[in-house]
């Protein structure tokens, strides 16, 4: 993991399986969940469902949503908002891919999750 200006390099995209997720610890014992969709897009959210703080990284990824493993809330990977009749939102961390490497917005990652 390396810091490059405002972006944090967290590793190669090929180590994140399609429809999978990995976690990244941040300050205060919190985590960021990094998701890889079937079409190759990568998203990052705080690893806590807005309902009961379930670990979103352990949920099922489909299209651009993840389903919380505790109570089946569906969360948008794009907006962090709960979908359907559920109400709540989880912080979204900016992500970009550069040269096959996953980069997350360093300041946003630390500020929005802690």
PDB file of N, CA and C in Angstrom:
ATOM      1  N   UNK A   1       0.851  -1.160   0.000  1.00  0.00           N
ATOM      2  CA  UNK A   1       0.000   0.000   0.000  1.00  0.00           C
ATOM      3  C   UNK A   1       0.906   1.234   0.000  1.00  0.00           C
ATOM      4  N   UNK A   2       0.658   2.136  -0.933  1.00  0.00           N
ATOM      5  CA  UNK A   2       1.455   3.361  -1.005  1.00  0.00           C
ATOM      6  C   UNK A   2       0.549   4.575  -1.158  1.00  0.00           C
ATOM      7  N   UNK A   3       1.055   5.715  -0.699  1.00  0.00           N
ATOM      8  CA  UNK A   3       0.316   6.966  -0.810  1.00  0.00           C
ATOM      9  C   UNK A   3       0.926   7.787  -1.933  1.00  0.00           C
ATOM     10  N   UNK A   4       0.074   8.256  -2.847  1.00  0.00           N
ATOM     11  CA  UNK A   4       0.513   9.071  -3.968  1.00  0.00           C
ATOM     12  C   UNK A   4      -0.364  10.322  -3.994  1.00  0.00           C
ATOM     13  N   UNK A   5       0.080  11.389  -3.336  1.00  0.00           N
ATOM     14  CA  UNK A   5      -0.730  12.608  -3.292  1.00  0.00           C
ATOM     15  C   UNK A   5      -2.008  12.370  -2.519  1.00  0.00           C
ATOM     16  N   UNK A   6      -3.143  12.553  -3.170  1.00  0.00           N
ATOM     17  CA  UNK A   6      -4.427  12.370  -2.505  1.00  0.00           C
ATOM     18  C   UNK A   6      -4.990  10.966  -2.681  1.00  0.00           C
ATOM     19  N   UNK A   7      -4.258  10.099  -3.354  1.00  0.00           N
ATOM     20  CA  UNK A   7      -4.732   8.733  -3.602  1.00  0.00           C
ATOM     21  C   UNK A   7      -3.874   7.716  -2.863  1.00  0.00           C
ATOM     22  N   UNK A   8      -4.515   6.669  -2.382  1.00  0.00           N
ATOM     23  CA  UNK A   8      -3.848   5.578  -1.686  1.00  0.00           C
ATOM     24  C   UNK A   8      -3.908   4.344  -2.581  1.00  0.00           C
ATOM     25  N   UNK A   9      -2.742   3.820  -2.956  1.00  0.00           N
ATOM     26  CA  UNK A   9      -2.647   2.622  -3.792  1.00  0.00           C
ATOM     27  C   UNK A   9      -2.819   1.413  -2.879  1.00  0.00           C
ATOM     28  N   UNK A  10      -3.902   0.652  -3.090  1.00  0.00           N
ATOM     29  CA  UNK A  10      -4.165  -0.485  -2.208  1.00  0.00           C
ATOM     30  C   UNK A  10      -3.883  -1.832  -2.855  1.00  0.00           C
ATOM     31  N   UNK A  11      -3.396  -1.836  -4.092  1.00  0.00           N
ATOM     32  CA  UNK A  11      -2.989  -3.094  -4.704  1.00  0.00           C
ATOM     33  C   UNK A  11      -3.542  -3.305  -6.089  1.00  0.00           C
ATOM     34  N   UNK A  12      -3.122  -4.413  -6.708  1.00  0.00           N
ATOM     35  CA  UNK A  12      -3.549  -4.712  -8.079  1.00  0.00           C
ATOM     36  C   UNK A  12      -4.995  -5.188  -8.149  1.00  0.00           C
ATOM     37  N   UNK A  13      -5.680  -4.771  -9.194  1.00  0.00           N
ATOM     38  CA  UNK A  13      -7.077  -5.155  -9.375  1.00  0.00           C
ATOM     39  C   UNK A  13      -7.227  -6.660  -9.576  1.00  0.00           C
ATOM     40  N   UNK A  14      -6.214  -7.313 -10.127  1.00  0.00           N
ATOM     41  CA  UNK A  14      -6.341  -8.747 -10.388  1.00  0.00           C
ATOM     42  C   UNK A  14      -6.305  -9.588  -9.102  1.00  0.00           C
ATOM     43  N   UNK A  15      -6.036  -8.988  -7.960  1.00  0.00           N
ATOM     44  CA  UNK A  15      -6.099  -9.716  -6.693  1.00  0.00           C
ATOM     45  C   UNK A  15      -7.462  -9.598  -6.021  1.00  0.00           C
ATOM     46  N   UNK A  16      -8.374  -8.900  -6.683  1.00  0.00           N
ATOM     47  CA  UNK A  16      -9.736  -8.744  -6.175  1.00  0.00           C
ATOM     48  C   UNK A  16     -10.660  -9.490  -7.139  1.00  0.00           C
ATOM     49  N   UNK A  17     -11.181 -10.652  -6.740  1.00  0.00           N
ATOM     50  CA  UNK A  17     -11.982 -11.453  -7.667  1.00  0.00           C
ATOM     51  C   UNK A  17     -13.288 -10.775  -8.070  1.00  0.00           C
ATOM     52  N   UNK A  18     -13.721 -11.033  -9.294  1.00  0.00           N
ATOM     53  CA  UNK A  18     -15.015 -10.515  -9.745  1.00  0.00           C
ATOM     54  C   UNK A  18     -16.101 -11.009  -8.798  1.00  0.00           C
ATOM     55  N   UNK A  19     -17.037 -10.137  -8.479  1.00  0.00           N
ATOM     56  CA  UNK A  19     -18.127 -10.376  -7.537  1.00  0.00           C
ATOM     57  C   UNK A  19     -17.621 -10.625  -6.121  1.00  0.00           C
ATOM     58  N   UNK A  20     -16.402 -10.169  -5.847  1.00  0.00           N
ATOM     59  CA  UNK A  20     -15.821 -10.349  -4.527  1.00  0.00           C
ATOM     60  C   UNK A  20     -15.588  -9.032  -3.828  1.00  0.00           C
ATOM     61  N   UNK A  21     -15.119  -9.130  -2.599  1.00  0.00           N
ATOM     62  CA  UNK A  21     -14.819  -7.945  -1.797  1.00  0.00           C
ATOM     63  C   UNK A  21     -13.645  -8.254  -0.881  1.00  0.00           C
ATOM     64  N   UNK A  22     -12.927  -7.218  -0.520  1.00  0.00           N
ATOM     65  CA  UNK A  22     -11.841  -7.281   0.449  1.00  0.00           C
ATOM     66  C   UNK A  22     -11.998  -6.097   1.391  1.00  0.00           C
ATOM     67  N   UNK A  23     -11.388  -6.172   2.548  1.00  0.00           N
ATOM     68  CA  UNK A  23     -11.473  -5.067   3.491  1.00  0.00           C
ATOM     69  C   UNK A  23     -10.110  -4.417   3.685  1.00  0.00           C
ATOM     70  N   UNK A  24     -10.161  -3.161   4.062  1.00  0.00           N
ATOM     71  CA  UNK A  24      -8.974  -2.373   4.337  1.00  0.00           C
ATOM     72  C   UNK A  24      -9.194  -1.687   5.678  1.00  0.00           C
ATOM     73  N   UNK A  25      -8.352  -1.993   6.685  1.00  0.00           N
ATOM     74  CA  UNK A  25      -8.527  -1.321   7.980  1.00  0.00           C
ATOM     75  C   UNK A  25      -8.122   0.149   7.906  1.00  0.00           C
ATOM     76  N   UNK A  26      -8.851   0.991   8.614  1.00  0.00           N
ATOM     77  CA  UNK A  26      -8.522   2.413   8.721  1.00  0.00           C
ATOM     78  C   UNK A  26      -8.547   2.790  10.200  1.00  0.00           C
ATOM     79  N   UNK A  27      -8.240   4.036  10.495  1.00  0.00           N
ATOM     80  CA  UNK A  27      -8.140   4.507  11.876  1.00  0.00           C
ATOM     81  C   UNK A  27      -9.401   4.204  12.683  1.00  0.00           C
ATOM     82  N   UNK A  28      -9.222   4.029  13.961  1.00  0.00           N
ATOM     83  CA  UNK A  28     -10.348   3.828  14.859  1.00  0.00           C
ATOM     84  C   UNK A  28     -10.964   2.450  14.804  1.00  0.00           C
ATOM     85  N   UNK A  29     -10.259   1.477  14.233  1.00  0.00           N
ATOM     86  CA  UNK A  29     -10.775   0.118  14.153  1.00  0.00           C
ATOM     87  C   UNK A  29     -11.855  -0.073  13.103  1.00  0.00           C
ATOM     88  N   UNK A  30     -12.042   0.903  12.242  1.00  0.00           N
ATOM     89  CA  UNK A  30     -13.049   0.811  11.181  1.00  0.00           C
ATOM     90  C   UNK A  30     -12.456   0.135   9.948  1.00  0.00           C
ATOM     91  N   UNK A  31     -13.319  -0.197   8.991  1.00  0.00           N
ATOM     92  CA  UNK A  31     -12.875  -0.835   7.751  1.00  0.00           C
ATOM     93  C   UNK A  31     -13.559  -0.214   6.543  1.00  0.00           C
ATOM     94  N   UNK A  32     -12.858  -0.279   5.429  1.00  0.00           N
ATOM     95  CA  UNK A  32     -13.422   0.052   4.130  1.00  0.00           C
ATOM     96  C   UNK A  32     -13.587  -1.269   3.386  1.00  0.00           C
ATOM     97  N   UNK A  33     -14.713  -1.442   2.717  1.00  0.00           N
ATOM     98  CA  UNK A  33     -14.943  -2.621   1.891  1.00  0.00           C
ATOM     99  C   UNK A  33     -14.731  -2.219   0.434  1.00  0.00           C
ATOM    100  N   UNK A  34     -13.899  -2.973  -0.269  1.00  0.00           N
ATOM    101  CA  UNK A  34     -13.613  -2.738  -1.685  1.00  0.00           C
ATOM    102  C   UNK A  34     -14.316  -3.840  -2.470  1.00  0.00           C
ATOM    103  N   UNK A  35     -15.169  -3.464  -3.419  1.00  0.00           N
ATOM    104  CA  UNK A  35     -15.984  -4.416  -4.179  1.00  0.00           C
ATOM    105  C   UNK A  35     -15.585  -4.413  -5.653  1.00  0.00           C
ATOM    106  N   UNK A  36     -15.635  -5.589  -6.274  1.00  0.00           N
ATOM    107  CA  UNK A  36     -15.331  -5.751  -7.703  1.00  0.00           C
ATOM    108  C   UNK A  36     -16.559  -6.375  -8.365  1.00  0.00           C
ATOM    109  N   UNK A  37     -17.175  -5.657  -9.283  1.00  0.00           N
ATOM    110  CA  UNK A  37     -18.389  -6.156  -9.937  1.00  0.00           C
ATOM    111  C   UNK A  37     -18.046  -7.085 -11.097  1.00  0.00           C
ATOM    112  N   UNK A  38     -19.058  -7.759 -11.608  1.00  0.00           N
ATOM    113  CA  UNK A  38     -18.860  -8.691 -12.720  1.00  0.00           C
ATOM    114  C   UNK A  38     -18.381  -7.986 -13.979  1.00  0.00           C
ATOM    115  N   UNK A  39     -18.735  -6.711 -14.162  1.00  0.00           N
ATOM    116  CA  UNK A  39     -18.306  -5.985 -15.365  1.00  0.00           C
ATOM    117  C   UNK A  39     -16.970  -5.267 -15.171  1.00  0.00           C
ATOM    118  N   UNK A  40     -16.276  -5.544 -14.056  1.00  0.00           N
ATOM    119  CA  UNK A  40     -14.936  -5.019 -13.854  1.00  0.00           C
ATOM    120  C   UNK A  40     -14.825  -3.711 -13.112  1.00  0.00           C
ATOM    121  N   UNK A  41     -15.943  -3.143 -12.683  1.00  0.00           N
ATOM    122  CA  UNK A  41     -15.890  -1.885 -11.944  1.00  0.00           C
ATOM    123  C   UNK A  41     -15.536  -2.154 -10.482  1.00  0.00           C
ATOM    124  N   UNK A  42     -14.909  -1.168  -9.846  1.00  0.00           N
ATOM    125  CA  UNK A  42     -14.511  -1.290  -8.445  1.00  0.00           C
ATOM    126  C   UNK A  42     -15.132  -0.133  -7.660  1.00  0.00           C
ATOM    127  N   UNK A  43     -15.674  -0.460  -6.491  1.00  0.00           N
ATOM    128  CA  UNK A  43     -16.303   0.524  -5.622  1.00  0.00           C
ATOM    129  C   UNK A  43     -15.797   0.330  -4.198  1.00  0.00           C
ATOM    130  N   UNK A  44     -15.906   1.372  -3.383  1.00  0.00           N
ATOM    131  CA  UNK A  44     -15.502   1.282  -1.986  1.00  0.00           C
ATOM    132  C   UNK A  44     -16.536   1.970  -1.101  1.00  0.00           C
ATOM    133  N   UNK A  45     -16.877   1.300  -0.013  1.00  0.00           N
ATOM    134  CA  UNK A  45     -17.832   1.809   0.965  1.00  0.00           C
ATOM    135  C   UNK A  45     -17.295   1.554   2.364  1.00  0.00           C
ATOM    136  N   UNK A  46     -17.813   2.290   3.332  1.00  0.00           N
ATOM    137  CA  UNK A  46     -17.559   1.920   4.725  1.00  0.00           C
ATOM    138  C   UNK A  46     -18.148   0.521   4.901  1.00  0.00           C
ATOM    139  N   UNK A  47     -17.470  -0.324   5.651  1.00  0.00           N
ATOM    140  CA  UNK A  47     -17.875  -1.724   5.777  1.00  0.00           C
ATOM    141  C   UNK A  47     -18.923  -1.928   6.869  1.00  0.00           C
ATOM    142  N   UNK A  48     -19.957  -1.080   6.879  1.00  0.00           N
ATOM    143  CA  UNK A  48     -21.029  -1.187   7.864  1.00  0.00           C
ATOM    144  C   UNK A  48     -22.366  -0.889   7.218  1.00  0.00           C
ATOM    145  N   UNK A  49     -23.260  -1.839   7.253  1.00  0.00           N
ATOM    146  CA  UNK A  49     -24.617  -1.596   6.771  1.00  0.00           C
ATOM    147  C   UNK A  49     -25.263  -0.530   7.653  1.00  0.00           C
ATOM    148  N   UNK A  50     -26.035   0.392   7.061  1.00  0.00           N
ATOM    149  CA  UNK A  50     -26.672   1.437   7.869  1.00  0.00           C
ATOM    150  C   UNK A  50     -27.773   0.909   8.785  1.00  0.00           C
ATOM    151  N   UNK A  51     -28.169  -0.332   8.616  1.00  0.00           N
ATOM    152  CA  UNK A  51     -29.242  -0.900   9.422  1.00  0.00           C
ATOM    153  C   UNK A  51     -28.732  -1.371  10.784  1.00  0.00           C
ATOM    154  N   UNK A  52     -27.899  -2.389  10.800  1.00  0.00           N
ATOM    155  CA  UNK A  52     -27.390  -2.952  12.063  1.00  0.00           C
ATOM    156  C   UNK A  52     -25.871  -3.129  12.021  1.00  0.00           C
ATOM    157  N   UNK A  53     -25.199  -2.344  11.167  1.00  0.00           N
ATOM    158  CA  UNK A  53     -23.735  -2.358  11.048  1.00  0.00           C
ATOM    159  C   UNK A  53     -23.182  -3.698  10.576  1.00  0.00           C
ATOM    160  N   UNK A  54     -23.966  -4.434   9.801  1.00  0.00           N
ATOM    161  CA  UNK A  54     -23.486  -5.703   9.256  1.00  0.00           C
ATOM    162  C   UNK A  54     -22.301  -5.501   8.327  1.00  0.00           C
ATOM    163  N   UNK A  55     -21.404  -6.485   8.230  1.00  0.00           N
ATOM    164  CA  UNK A  55     -20.207  -6.370   7.390  1.00  0.00           C
ATOM    165  C   UNK A  55     -20.550  -6.520   5.908  1.00  0.00           C
ATOM    166  N   UNK A  56     -20.667  -5.406   5.208  1.00  0.00           N
ATOM    167  CA  UNK A  56     -21.048  -5.439   3.795  1.00  0.00           C
ATOM    168  C   UNK A  56     -20.074  -6.255   2.954  1.00  0.00           C
ATOM    169  N   UNK A  57     -18.812  -6.308   3.358  1.00  0.00           N
ATOM    170  CA  UNK A  57     -17.809  -7.065   2.598  1.00  0.00           C
ATOM    171  C   UNK A  57     -18.138  -8.556   2.547  1.00  0.00           C
ATOM    172  N   UNK A  58     -18.984  -9.028   3.439  1.00  0.00           N
ATOM    173  CA  UNK A  58     -19.381 -10.439   3.457  1.00  0.00           C
ATOM    174  C   UNK A  58     -20.696 -10.676   2.728  1.00  0.00           C
ATOM    175  N   UNK A  59     -21.246  -9.617   2.125  1.00  0.00           N
ATOM    176  CA  UNK A  59     -22.505  -9.727   1.411  1.00  0.00           C
ATOM    177  C   UNK A  59     -22.321 -10.215  -0.017  1.00  0.00           C
ATOM    178  N   UNK A  60     -23.424 -10.374  -0.697  1.00  0.00           N
ATOM    179  CA  UNK A  60     -23.419 -10.830  -2.088  1.00  0.00           C
ATOM    180  C   UNK A  60     -23.417  -9.611  -3.004  1.00  0.00           C
ATOM    181  N   UNK A  61     -22.444  -9.576  -3.925  1.00  0.00           N
ATOM    182  CA  UNK A  61     -22.327  -8.488  -4.899  1.00  0.00           C
ATOM    183  C   UNK A  61     -23.085  -8.890  -6.157  1.00  0.00           C
ATOM    184  N   UNK A  62     -23.975  -7.999  -6.621  1.00  0.00           N
ATOM    185  CA  UNK A  62     -24.681  -8.236  -7.882  1.00  0.00           C
ATOM    186  C   UNK A  62     -24.917  -6.895  -8.544  1.00  0.00           C
ATOM    187  N   UNK A  63     -24.596  -6.836  -9.820  1.00  0.00           N
ATOM    188  CA  UNK A  63     -24.650  -5.578 -10.570  1.00  0.00           C
ATOM    189  C   UNK A  63     -23.890  -4.500  -9.799  1.00  0.00           C
ATOM    190  N   UNK A  64     -24.552  -3.421  -9.435  1.00  0.00           N
ATOM    191  CA  UNK A  64     -23.891  -2.348  -8.678  1.00  0.00           C
ATOM    192  C   UNK A  64     -24.484  -2.234  -7.278  1.00  0.00           C
ATOM    193  N   UNK A  65     -24.842  -3.380  -6.700  1.00  0.00           N
ATOM    194  CA  UNK A  65     -25.354  -3.407  -5.333  1.00  0.00           C
ATOM    195  C   UNK A  65     -24.683  -4.528  -4.548  1.00  0.00           C
ATOM    196  N   UNK A  66     -24.780  -4.418  -3.234  1.00  0.00           N
ATOM    197  CA  UNK A  66     -24.351  -5.488  -2.338  1.00  0.00           C
ATOM    198  C   UNK A  66     -25.495  -5.735  -1.365  1.00  0.00           C
ATOM    199  N   UNK A  67     -25.730  -6.991  -1.044  1.00  0.00           N
ATOM    200  CA  UNK A  67     -26.773  -7.357  -0.094  1.00  0.00           C
ATOM    201  C   UNK A  67     -26.121  -7.653   1.251  1.00  0.00           C
ATOM    202  N   UNK A  68     -26.556  -6.961   2.286  1.00  0.00           N
ATOM    203  CA  UNK A  68     -26.003  -7.159   3.624  1.00  0.00           C
ATOM    204  C   UNK A  68     -26.264  -8.603   4.067  1.00  0.00           C
ATOM    205  N   UNK A  69     -25.254  -9.267   4.640  1.00  0.00           N
ATOM    206  CA  UNK A  69     -25.429 -10.658   5.043  1.00  0.00           C
ATOM    207  C   UNK A  69     -26.317 -10.843   6.283  1.00  0.00           C
ATOM    208  N   UNK A  70     -26.599  -9.769   7.024  1.00  0.00           N
ATOM    209  CA  UNK A  70     -27.398  -9.930   8.244  1.00  0.00           C
ATOM    210  C   UNK A  70     -28.897  -9.902   8.003  1.00  0.00           C
ATOM    211  N   UNK A  71     -29.387  -8.882   7.280  1.00  0.00           N
ATOM    212  CA  UNK A  71     -30.830  -8.725   7.132  1.00  0.00           C
ATOM    213  C   UNK A  71     -31.271  -8.442   5.699  1.00  0.00           C
ATOM    214  N   UNK A  72     -30.406  -8.752   4.734  1.00  0.00           N
ATOM    215  CA  UNK A  72     -30.729  -8.658   3.306  1.00  0.00           C
ATOM    216  C   UNK A  72     -31.027  -7.250   2.797  1.00  0.00           C
ATOM    217  N   UNK A  73     -30.547  -6.228   3.481  1.00  0.00           N
ATOM    218  CA  UNK A  73     -30.672  -4.884   2.919  1.00  0.00           C
ATOM    219  C   UNK A  73     -29.785  -4.806   1.687  1.00  0.00           C
ATOM    220  N   UNK A  74     -30.297  -4.204   0.625  1.00  0.00           N
ATOM    221  CA  UNK A  74     -29.488  -3.978  -0.581  1.00  0.00           C
ATOM    222  C   UNK A  74     -28.975  -2.548  -0.547  1.00  0.00           C
ATOM    223  N   UNK A  75     -27.652  -2.411  -0.760  1.00  0.00           N
ATOM    224  CA  UNK A  75     -26.987  -1.114  -0.714  1.00  0.00           C
ATOM    225  C   UNK A  75     -26.369  -0.826  -2.079  1.00  0.00           C
ATOM    226  N   UNK A  76     -26.600   0.366  -2.609  1.00  0.00           N
ATOM    227  CA  UNK A  76     -26.001   0.775  -3.871  1.00  0.00           C
ATOM    228  C   UNK A  76     -24.501   0.979  -3.684  1.00  0.00           C
ATOM    229  N   UNK A  77     -23.702   0.356  -4.536  1.00  0.00           N
ATOM    230  CA  UNK A  77     -22.256   0.567  -4.497  1.00  0.00           C
ATOM    231  C   UNK A  77     -21.890   1.944  -5.043  1.00  0.00           C
ATOM    232  N   UNK A  78     -22.772   2.545  -5.810  1.00  0.00           N
ATOM    233  CA  UNK A  78     -22.513   3.848  -6.422  1.00  0.00           C
ATOM    234  C   UNK A  78     -22.803   4.991  -5.440  1.00  0.00           C
ATOM    235  N   UNK A  79     -23.965   4.935  -4.777  1.00  0.00           N
ATOM    236  CA  UNK A  79     -24.386   6.033  -3.899  1.00  0.00           C
ATOM    237  C   UNK A  79     -24.258   5.729  -2.411  1.00  0.00           C
ATOM    238  N   UNK A  80     -24.176   4.463  -2.054  1.00  0.00           N
ATOM    239  CA  UNK A  80     -24.149   4.069  -0.644  1.00  0.00           C
ATOM    240  C   UNK A  80     -25.527   4.021  -0.008  1.00  0.00           C
ATOM    241  N   UNK A  81     -26.577   4.330  -0.777  1.00  0.00           N
ATOM    242  CA  UNK A  81     -27.931   4.387  -0.229  1.00  0.00           C
ATOM    243  C   UNK A  81     -28.590   3.004  -0.222  1.00  0.00           C
ATOM    244  N   UNK A  82     -29.393   2.782   0.813  1.00  0.00           N
ATOM    245  CA  UNK A  82     -30.205   1.579   0.882  1.00  0.00           C
ATOM    246  C   UNK A  82     -31.274   1.656  -0.208  1.00  0.00           C
ATOM    247  N   UNK A  83     -31.595   0.534  -0.796  1.00  0.00           N
ATOM    248  CA  UNK A  83     -32.558   0.486  -1.895  1.00  0.00           C
ATOM    249  C   UNK A  83     -33.878  -0.110  -1.439  1.00  0.00           C
ATOM    250  N   UNK A  84     -34.907   0.095  -2.238  1.00  0.00           N
ATOM    251  CA  UNK A  84     -36.227  -0.420  -1.910  1.00  0.00           C
ATOM    252  C   UNK A  84     -36.861   0.397  -0.800  1.00  0.00           C
ATOM    253  N   UNK A  85     -37.555  -0.280   0.092  1.00  0.00           N
ATOM    254  CA  UNK A  85     -38.247   0.397   1.187  1.00  0.00           C
ATOM    255  C   UNK A  85     -37.322   0.740   2.350  1.00  0.00           C
ATOM    256  N   UNK A  86     -36.104   0.227   2.329  1.00  0.00           N
ATOM    257  CA  UNK A  86     -35.170   0.482   3.422  1.00  0.00           C
ATOM    258  C   UNK A  86     -34.625   1.905   3.331  1.00  0.00           C
ATOM    259  N   UNK A  87     -34.251   2.461   4.486  1.00  0.00           N
ATOM    260  CA  UNK A  87     -33.777   3.836   4.535  1.00  0.00           C
ATOM    261  C   UNK A  87     -32.458   3.898   5.296  1.00  0.00           C
ATOM    262  N   UNK A  88     -31.457   4.483   4.666  1.00  0.00           N
ATOM    263  CA  UNK A  88     -30.155   4.631   5.290  1.00  0.00           C
ATOM    264  C   UNK A  88     -29.098   4.821   4.220  1.00  0.00           C
ATOM    265  N   UNK A  89     -27.912   5.184   4.665  1.00  0.00           N
ATOM    266  CA  UNK A  89     -26.833   5.440   3.718  1.00  0.00           C
ATOM    267  C   UNK A  89     -25.503   5.117   4.392  1.00  0.00           C
ATOM    268  N   UNK A  90     -24.566   4.647   3.604  1.00  0.00           N
ATOM    269  CA  UNK A  90     -23.225   4.335   4.081  1.00  0.00           C
ATOM    270  C   UNK A  90     -22.238   5.207   3.298  1.00  0.00           C
ATOM    271  N   UNK A  91     -21.156   5.683   3.932  1.00  0.00           N
ATOM    272  CA  UNK A  91     -20.195   6.523   3.206  1.00  0.00           C
ATOM    273  C   UNK A  91     -19.562   5.811   2.007  1.00  0.00           C
ATOM    274  N   UNK A  92     -19.432   6.556   0.914  1.00  0.00           N
ATOM    275  CA  UNK A  92     -18.794   6.071  -0.312  1.00  0.00           C
ATOM    276  C   UNK A  92     -17.403   6.686  -0.397  1.00  0.00           C
ATOM    277  N   UNK A  93     -16.420   5.880  -0.751  1.00  0.00           N
ATOM    278  CA  UNK A  93     -15.042   6.348  -0.886  1.00  0.00           C
ATOM    279  C   UNK A  93     -14.690   6.355  -2.374  1.00  0.00           C
ATOM    280  N   UNK A  94     -14.127   7.453  -2.890  1.00  0.00           N
ATOM    281  CA  UNK A  94     -13.759   7.510  -4.311  1.00  0.00           C
ATOM    282  C   UNK A  94     -12.723   6.439  -4.662  1.00  0.00           C
ATOM    283  N   UNK A  95     -12.908   5.849  -5.840  1.00  0.00           N
ATOM    284  CA  UNK A  95     -12.004   4.802  -6.337  1.00  0.00           C
ATOM    285  C   UNK A  95     -11.672   5.093  -7.782  1.00  0.00           C
ATOM    286  N   UNK A  96     -10.438   4.803  -8.162  1.00  0.00           N
ATOM    287  CA  UNK A  96     -10.071   4.820  -9.577  1.00  0.00           C
ATOM    288  C   UNK A  96      -9.058   3.718  -9.821  1.00  0.00           C
ATOM    289  N   UNK A  97      -8.984   3.286 -11.070  1.00  0.00           N
ATOM    290  CA  UNK A  97      -8.021   2.275 -11.482  1.00  0.00           C
ATOM    291  C   UNK A  97      -6.981   2.967 -12.344  1.00  0.00           C
ATOM    292  N   UNK A  98      -5.717   2.745 -12.029  1.00  0.00           N
ATOM    293  CA  UNK A  98      -4.619   3.354 -12.780  1.00  0.00           C
ATOM    294  C   UNK A  98      -3.536   2.310 -12.991  1.00  0.00           C
ATOM    295  N   UNK A  99      -3.320   1.926 -14.242  1.00  0.00           N
ATOM    296  CA  UNK A  99      -2.298   0.937 -14.549  1.00  0.00           C
ATOM    297  C   UNK A  99      -2.533  -0.404 -13.879  1.00  0.00           C
ATOM    298  N   UNK A 100      -3.801  -0.796 -13.754  1.00  0.00           N
ATOM    299  CA  UNK A 100      -4.126  -2.074 -13.126  1.00  0.00           C
ATOM    300  C   UNK A 100      -4.082  -2.049 -11.606  1.00  0.00           C
ATOM    301  N   UNK A 101      -3.902  -0.866 -11.023  1.00  0.00           N
ATOM    302  CA  UNK A 101      -3.842  -0.721  -9.569  1.00  0.00           C
ATOM    303  C   UNK A 101      -5.110  -0.025  -9.069  1.00  0.00           C
ATOM    304  N   UNK A 102      -5.585  -0.441  -7.896  1.00  0.00           N
ATOM    305  CA  UNK A 102      -6.757   0.180  -7.279  1.00  0.00           C
ATOM    306  C   UNK A 102      -6.275   1.323  -6.402  1.00  0.00           C
ATOM    307  N   UNK A 103      -6.824   2.514  -6.641  1.00  0.00           N
ATOM    308  CA  UNK A 103      -6.500   3.690  -5.839  1.00  0.00           C
ATOM    309  C   UNK A 103      -7.771   4.197  -5.179  1.00  0.00           C
ATOM    310  N   UNK A 104      -7.690   4.533  -3.896  1.00  0.00           N
ATOM    311  CA  UNK A 104      -8.841   5.119  -3.217  1.00  0.00           C
ATOM    312  C   UNK A 104      -8.472   6.521  -2.747  1.00  0.00           C
ATOM    313  N   UNK A 105      -9.480   7.386  -2.667  1.00  0.00           N
ATOM    314  CA  UNK A 105      -9.269   8.754  -2.194  1.00  0.00           C
ATOM    315  C   UNK A 105      -8.839   8.744  -0.746  1.00  0.00           C
ATOM    316  N   UNK A 106      -7.600   9.109  -0.484  1.00  0.00           N
ATOM    317  CA  UNK A 106      -7.011   8.999   0.845  1.00  0.00           C
ATOM    318  C   UNK A 106      -7.747   9.826   1.889  1.00  0.00           C
ATOM    319  N   UNK A 107      -7.953  11.099   1.657  1.00  0.00           N
ATOM    320  CA  UNK A 107      -8.605  11.960   2.641  1.00  0.00           C
ATOM    321  C   UNK A 107     -10.038  11.507   2.903  1.00  0.00           C
ATOM    322  N   UNK A 108     -10.753  11.183   1.832  1.00  0.00           N
ATOM    323  CA  UNK A 108     -12.142  10.745   1.970  1.00  0.00           C
ATOM    324  C   UNK A 108     -12.225   9.418   2.730  1.00  0.00           C
ATOM    325  N   UNK A 109     -11.270   8.533   2.467  1.00  0.00           N
ATOM    326  CA  UNK A 109     -11.279   7.230   3.130  1.00  0.00           C
ATOM    327  C   UNK A 109     -11.165   7.381   4.643  1.00  0.00           C
ATOM    328  N   UNK A 110     -10.290   8.254   5.059  1.00  0.00           N
ATOM    329  CA  UNK A 110     -10.084   8.427   6.494  1.00  0.00           C
ATOM    330  C   UNK A 110     -11.200   9.235   7.133  1.00  0.00           C
ATOM    331  N   UNK A 111     -11.637  10.289   6.470  1.00  0.00           N
ATOM    332  CA  UNK A 111     -12.625  11.196   7.060  1.00  0.00           C
ATOM    333  C   UNK A 111     -14.023  10.602   7.117  1.00  0.00           C
ATOM    334  N   UNK A 112     -14.445   9.904   6.078  1.00  0.00           N
ATOM    335  CA  UNK A 112     -15.837   9.475   6.028  1.00  0.00           C
ATOM    336  C   UNK A 112     -16.130   8.192   6.813  1.00  0.00           C
ATOM    337  N   UNK A 113     -15.109   7.403   7.070  1.00  0.00           N
ATOM    338  CA  UNK A 113     -15.346   6.133   7.728  1.00  0.00           C
ATOM    339  C   UNK A 113     -15.210   6.243   9.244  1.00  0.00           C
ATOM    340  N   UNK A 114     -14.268   7.051   9.691  1.00  0.00           N
ATOM    341  CA  UNK A 114     -14.008   7.150  11.137  1.00  0.00           C
ATOM    342  C   UNK A 114     -15.087   7.936  11.824  1.00  0.00           C
TER     343      UNK A 114
END
